[in-house]
Amino acid sequence: MTITVNGLEELKKLSGTDLGTSDWIEITQSRINTFADATDDHQWIHVDPDRATEGPFGTPIAHGYLTLSLFIPLFTGLLDVQGVTTKVNYGLNKVRFPSPVKVGSRIRLVGRLAEVEEVPGGVQVAVDGTIEIEGAQKPAAVLQSLSRFYA
């Protein structure tokens, strides 16, 4: 369920709040191939299903950065910030990829709004996120993302 806030003052009040869990996103071979084309990263472990069956995971796996890039659509399913003019990614404080995402898997985000701090013209939010793999013991990614929202 998406939490909707209107403006920076409402956003500030959410500091320290658990945002819940996003919907699932399926990681298809088509999505992996499209990401490989966009980034020029065509390593066989991602894009060659036949060869990948012989690899360490028995199937193709998503690029770690593909998993990371899906943070934004997963996050926007948790928090909708309205009443601002601009929303930008500011960076990451930490990222780890504890487990590979196999083709055909589904992932989702569990998020927590760790901190909201004022910056000139807006606020910066730090989100602690865990990208889970359906049925897996270890997550696909653990991260802290920074975003800025401007009035």
C-alpha atoms as a PDB file:
ATOM      1  CA  MET A   1       0.000   0.000   0.000  1.00  0.00           C
ATOM      2  CA  THR A   2       1.411   3.371  -1.034  1.00  0.00           C
ATOM      3  CA  ILE A   3       1.873   6.097   1.570  1.00  0.00           C
ATOM      4  CA  THR A   4       1.030   9.483   0.052  1.00  0.00           C
ATOM      5  CA  VAL A   5       2.321  12.754   1.497  1.00  0.00           C
ATOM      6  CA  ASN A   6       1.703  16.285   0.314  1.00  0.00           C
ATOM      7  CA  GLY A   7       4.727  18.531   0.620  1.00  0.00           C
ATOM      8  CA  LEU A   8       7.950  18.621   2.515  1.00  0.00           C
ATOM      9  CA  GLU A   9       6.442  19.186   5.960  1.00  0.00           C
ATOM     10  CA  GLU A  10       4.408  15.970   5.746  1.00  0.00           C
ATOM     11  CA  LEU A  11       7.473  14.147   4.423  1.00  0.00           C
ATOM     12  CA  LYS A  12       9.570  15.321   7.390  1.00  0.00           C
ATOM     13  CA  LYS A  13       7.035  13.802   9.801  1.00  0.00           C
ATOM     14  CA  LEU A  14       7.699  10.337   8.307  1.00  0.00           C
ATOM     15  CA  SER A  15      11.340  10.214   9.393  1.00  0.00           C
ATOM     16  CA  GLY A  16      11.961   6.851  11.056  1.00  0.00           C
ATOM     17  CA  THR A  17       8.829   5.282   9.561  1.00  0.00           C
ATOM     18  CA  ASP A  18       8.609   1.806   8.091  1.00  0.00           C
ATOM     19  CA  LEU A  19       7.227   2.165   4.569  1.00  0.00           C
ATOM     20  CA  GLY A  20       6.110  -1.429   4.207  1.00  0.00           C
ATOM     21  CA  THR A  21       6.549  -3.812   1.320  1.00  0.00           C
ATOM     22  CA  SER A  22       6.161  -3.136  -2.399  1.00  0.00           C
ATOM     23  CA  ASP A  23       4.453  -5.279  -4.983  1.00  0.00           C
ATOM     24  CA  TRP A  24       6.506  -7.991  -6.697  1.00  0.00           C
ATOM     25  CA  ILE A  25       8.352  -7.413  -9.987  1.00  0.00           C
ATOM     26  CA  GLU A  26       9.249 -10.415 -12.155  1.00  0.00           C
ATOM     27  CA  ILE A  27      12.760 -10.623 -13.546  1.00  0.00           C
ATOM     28  CA  THR A  28      12.366 -11.984 -17.062  1.00  0.00           C
ATOM     29  CA  GLN A  29      15.051 -12.864 -19.583  1.00  0.00           C
ATOM     30  CA  SER A  30      13.677 -10.077 -21.777  1.00  0.00           C
ATOM     31  CA  ARG A  31      14.214  -7.526 -18.975  1.00  0.00           C
ATOM     32  CA  ILE A  32      17.768  -8.811 -18.447  1.00  0.00           C
ATOM     33  CA  ASN A  33      18.526  -8.635 -22.186  1.00  0.00           C
ATOM     34  CA  THR A  34      17.152  -5.098 -22.446  1.00  0.00           C
ATOM     35  CA  PHE A  35      19.334  -4.011 -19.521  1.00  0.00           C
ATOM     36  CA  ALA A  36      22.353  -5.701 -21.140  1.00  0.00           C
ATOM     37  CA  ASP A  37      21.683  -3.783 -24.371  1.00  0.00           C
ATOM     38  CA  ALA A  38      21.305  -0.485 -22.493  1.00  0.00           C
ATOM     39  CA  THR A  39      24.563  -0.941 -20.553  1.00  0.00           C
ATOM     40  CA  ASP A  40      26.663  -2.929 -23.038  1.00  0.00           C
ATOM     41  CA  ASP A  41      27.113  -5.625 -20.384  1.00  0.00           C
ATOM     42  CA  HIS A  42      26.473  -8.850 -22.285  1.00  0.00           C
ATOM     43  CA  GLN A  43      28.293 -11.229 -19.959  1.00  0.00           C
ATOM     44  CA  TRP A  44      27.113 -14.775 -20.684  1.00  0.00           C
ATOM     45  CA  ILE A  45      25.939 -15.371 -17.094  1.00  0.00           C
ATOM     46  CA  HIS A  46      23.159 -12.872 -17.864  1.00  0.00           C
ATOM     47  CA  VAL A  47      22.304 -13.234 -21.546  1.00  0.00           C
ATOM     48  CA  ASP A  48      23.191 -16.758 -22.691  1.00  0.00           C
ATOM     49  CA  PRO A  49      20.598 -19.146 -21.202  1.00  0.00           C
ATOM     50  CA  ASP A  50      22.242 -22.246 -22.687  1.00  0.00           C
ATOM     51  CA  ARG A  51      25.710 -21.469 -21.375  1.00  0.00           C
ATOM     52  CA  ALA A  52      24.311 -20.199 -18.046  1.00  0.00           C
ATOM     53  CA  THR A  53      22.870 -23.663 -17.322  1.00  0.00           C
ATOM     54  CA  GLU A  54      26.516 -24.791 -17.080  1.00  0.00           C
ATOM     55  CA  GLY A  55      27.427 -21.859 -14.807  1.00  0.00           C
ATOM     56  CA  PRO A  56      27.442 -21.606 -11.027  1.00  0.00           C
ATOM     57  CA  PHE A  57      23.719 -20.748 -10.733  1.00  0.00           C
ATOM     58  CA  GLY A  58      22.280 -23.162 -13.312  1.00  0.00           C
ATOM     59  CA  THR A  59      20.364 -20.383 -15.069  1.00  0.00           C
ATOM     60  CA  PRO A  60      20.881 -16.771 -16.130  1.00  0.00           C
ATOM     61  CA  ILE A  61      20.965 -14.183 -13.360  1.00  0.00           C
ATOM     62  CA  ALA A  62      20.087 -10.500 -13.387  1.00  0.00           C
ATOM     63  CA  HIS A  63      22.841  -7.923 -13.347  1.00  0.00           C
ATOM     64  CA  GLY A  64      23.317  -6.556  -9.844  1.00  0.00           C
ATOM     65  CA  TYR A  65      22.852  -3.072 -11.233  1.00  0.00           C
ATOM     66  CA  LEU A  66      19.587  -4.120 -12.888  1.00  0.00           C
ATOM     67  CA  THR A  67      18.325  -5.176  -9.475  1.00  0.00           C
ATOM     68  CA  LEU A  68      19.561  -1.896  -8.017  1.00  0.00           C
ATOM     69  CA  SER A  69      17.935   0.157 -10.799  1.00  0.00           C
ATOM     70  CA  LEU A  70      14.563  -1.367  -9.931  1.00  0.00           C
ATOM     71  CA  PHE A  71      14.765   0.300  -6.517  1.00  0.00           C
ATOM     72  CA  ILE A  72      13.077   3.411  -7.968  1.00  0.00           C
ATOM     73  CA  PRO A  73       9.889   1.777  -9.311  1.00  0.00           C
ATOM     74  CA  LEU A  74       9.707  -0.375  -6.182  1.00  0.00           C
ATOM     75  CA  PHE A  75      10.202   2.671  -3.927  1.00  0.00           C
ATOM     76  CA  THR A  76       7.586   4.753  -5.730  1.00  0.00           C
ATOM     77  CA  GLY A  77       5.143   1.959  -4.960  1.00  0.00           C
ATOM     78  CA  LEU A  78       5.803   2.585  -1.257  1.00  0.00           C
ATOM     79  CA  LEU A  79       5.933   6.384  -1.042  1.00  0.00           C
ATOM     80  CA  ASP A  80       4.259   9.003  -3.242  1.00  0.00           C
ATOM     81  CA  VAL A  81       5.510  12.507  -2.512  1.00  0.00           C
ATOM     82  CA  GLN A  82       3.184  15.123  -3.986  1.00  0.00           C
ATOM     83  CA  GLY A  83       3.335  18.894  -3.760  1.00  0.00           C
ATOM     84  CA  VAL A  84       7.003  19.138  -4.725  1.00  0.00           C
ATOM     85  CA  THR A  85       8.543  20.450  -7.930  1.00  0.00           C
ATOM     86  CA  THR A  86      11.504  18.119  -8.313  1.00  0.00           C
ATOM     87  CA  LYS A  87      12.546  14.639  -7.199  1.00  0.00           C
ATOM     88  CA  VAL A  88      16.126  13.490  -7.819  1.00  0.00           C
ATOM     89  CA  ASN A  89      18.329  10.550  -6.931  1.00  0.00           C
ATOM     90  CA  TYR A  90      21.234  11.864  -4.902  1.00  0.00           C
ATOM     91  CA  GLY A  91      23.262   8.718  -4.389  1.00  0.00           C
ATOM     92  CA  LEU A  92      23.829   5.660  -2.277  1.00  0.00           C
ATOM     93  CA  ASN A  93      25.550   5.255   1.060  1.00  0.00           C
ATOM     94  CA  LYS A  94      25.852   1.491   0.900  1.00  0.00           C
ATOM     95  CA  VAL A  95      24.939  -1.328  -1.466  1.00  0.00           C
ATOM     96  CA  ARG A  96      25.490  -5.060  -1.149  1.00  0.00           C
ATOM     97  CA  PHE A  97      24.235  -7.934  -3.327  1.00  0.00           C
ATOM     98  CA  PRO A  98      24.025 -10.953  -0.968  1.00  0.00           C
ATOM     99  CA  SER A  99      22.227 -13.256  -3.418  1.00  0.00           C
ATOM    100  CA  PRO A 100      21.868 -13.444  -7.219  1.00  0.00           C
ATOM    101  CA  VAL A 101      18.450 -12.967  -8.816  1.00  0.00           C
ATOM    102  CA  LYS A 102      17.755 -15.888 -11.132  1.00  0.00           C
ATOM    103  CA  VAL A 103      15.710 -15.379 -14.277  1.00  0.00           C
ATOM    104  CA  GLY A 104      12.031 -15.966 -13.539  1.00  0.00           C
ATOM    105  CA  SER A 105      12.356 -14.796  -9.928  1.00  0.00           C
ATOM    106  CA  ARG A 106      10.241 -12.086  -8.382  1.00  0.00           C
ATOM    107  CA  ILE A 107      11.645  -9.295  -6.234  1.00  0.00           C
ATOM    108  CA  ARG A 108      10.123  -6.707  -3.917  1.00  0.00           C
ATOM    109  CA  LEU A 109      11.310  -3.894  -1.671  1.00  0.00           C
ATOM    110  CA  VAL A 110      10.983  -3.595   2.076  1.00  0.00           C
ATOM    111  CA  GLY A 111      11.678   0.042   2.937  1.00  0.00           C
ATOM    112  CA  ARG A 112      12.210   2.301   5.908  1.00  0.00           C
ATOM    113  CA  LEU A 113      12.494   6.088   5.767  1.00  0.00           C
ATOM    114  CA  ALA A 114      15.598   6.258   7.944  1.00  0.00           C
ATOM    115  CA  GLU A 115      16.155  10.003   7.943  1.00  0.00           C
ATOM    116  CA  VAL A 116      14.799  13.248   6.517  1.00  0.00           C
ATOM    117  CA  GLU A 117      17.109  16.250   6.698  1.00  0.00           C
ATOM    118  CA  GLU A 118      16.812  19.745   5.331  1.00  0.00           C
ATOM    119  CA  VAL A 119      18.964  20.852   2.413  1.00  0.00           C
ATOM    120  CA  PRO A 120      18.829  24.217   0.623  1.00  0.00           C
ATOM    121  CA  GLY A 121      15.437  24.400  -1.098  1.00  0.00           C
ATOM    122  CA  GLY A 122      14.197  20.999   0.059  1.00  0.00           C
ATOM    123  CA  VAL A 123      14.904  17.832   1.962  1.00  0.00           C
ATOM    124  CA  GLN A 124      17.144  14.822   1.578  1.00  0.00           C
ATOM    125  CA  VAL A 125      15.750  11.441   2.537  1.00  0.00           C
ATOM    126  CA  ALA A 126      17.737   8.335   3.375  1.00  0.00           C
ATOM    127  CA  VAL A 127      15.851   5.105   2.716  1.00  0.00           C
ATOM    128  CA  ASP A 128      17.045   1.792   4.105  1.00  0.00           C
ATOM    129  CA  GLY A 129      15.973  -0.832   1.618  1.00  0.00           C
ATOM    130  CA  THR A 130      16.073  -4.571   1.327  1.00  0.00           C
ATOM    131  CA  ILE A 131      15.224  -6.078  -2.046  1.00  0.00           C
ATOM    132  CA  GLU A 132      13.890  -9.537  -1.318  1.00  0.00           C
ATOM    133  CA  ILE A 133      13.699 -12.519  -3.667  1.00  0.00           C
ATOM    134  CA  GLU A 134      10.495 -14.514  -3.378  1.00  0.00           C
ATOM    135  CA  GLY A 135      11.224 -17.776  -1.564  1.00  0.00           C
ATOM    136  CA  ALA A 136      14.925 -17.016  -0.950  1.00  0.00           C
ATOM    137  CA  GLN A 137      16.631 -16.861   2.429  1.00  0.00           C
ATOM    138  CA  LYS A 138      19.036 -14.079   1.469  1.00  0.00           C
ATOM    139  CA  PRO A 139      18.007 -10.778  -0.143  1.00  0.00           C
ATOM    140  CA  ALA A 140      19.080  -9.671  -3.594  1.00  0.00           C
ATOM    141  CA  ALA A 141      20.247  -6.282  -2.349  1.00  0.00           C
ATOM    142  CA  VAL A 142      20.625  -4.310   0.847  1.00  0.00           C
ATOM    143  CA  LEU A 143      21.097  -0.587   0.418  1.00  0.00           C
ATOM    144  CA  GLN A 144      20.686   2.931   1.680  1.00  0.00           C
ATOM    145  CA  SER A 145      19.465   5.294  -1.010  1.00  0.00           C
ATOM    146  CA  LEU A 146      19.521   9.093  -0.891  1.00  0.00           C
ATOM    147  CA  SER A 147      16.932  11.200  -2.693  1.00  0.00           C
ATOM    148  CA  ARG A 148      16.188  14.890  -2.688  1.00  0.00           C
ATOM    149  CA  PHE A 149      12.817  16.538  -2.927  1.00  0.00           C
ATOM    150  CA  TYR A 150      12.549  20.240  -3.706  1.00  0.00           C
ATOM    151  CA  ALA A 151       9.642  22.595  -2.968  1.00  0.00           C
END
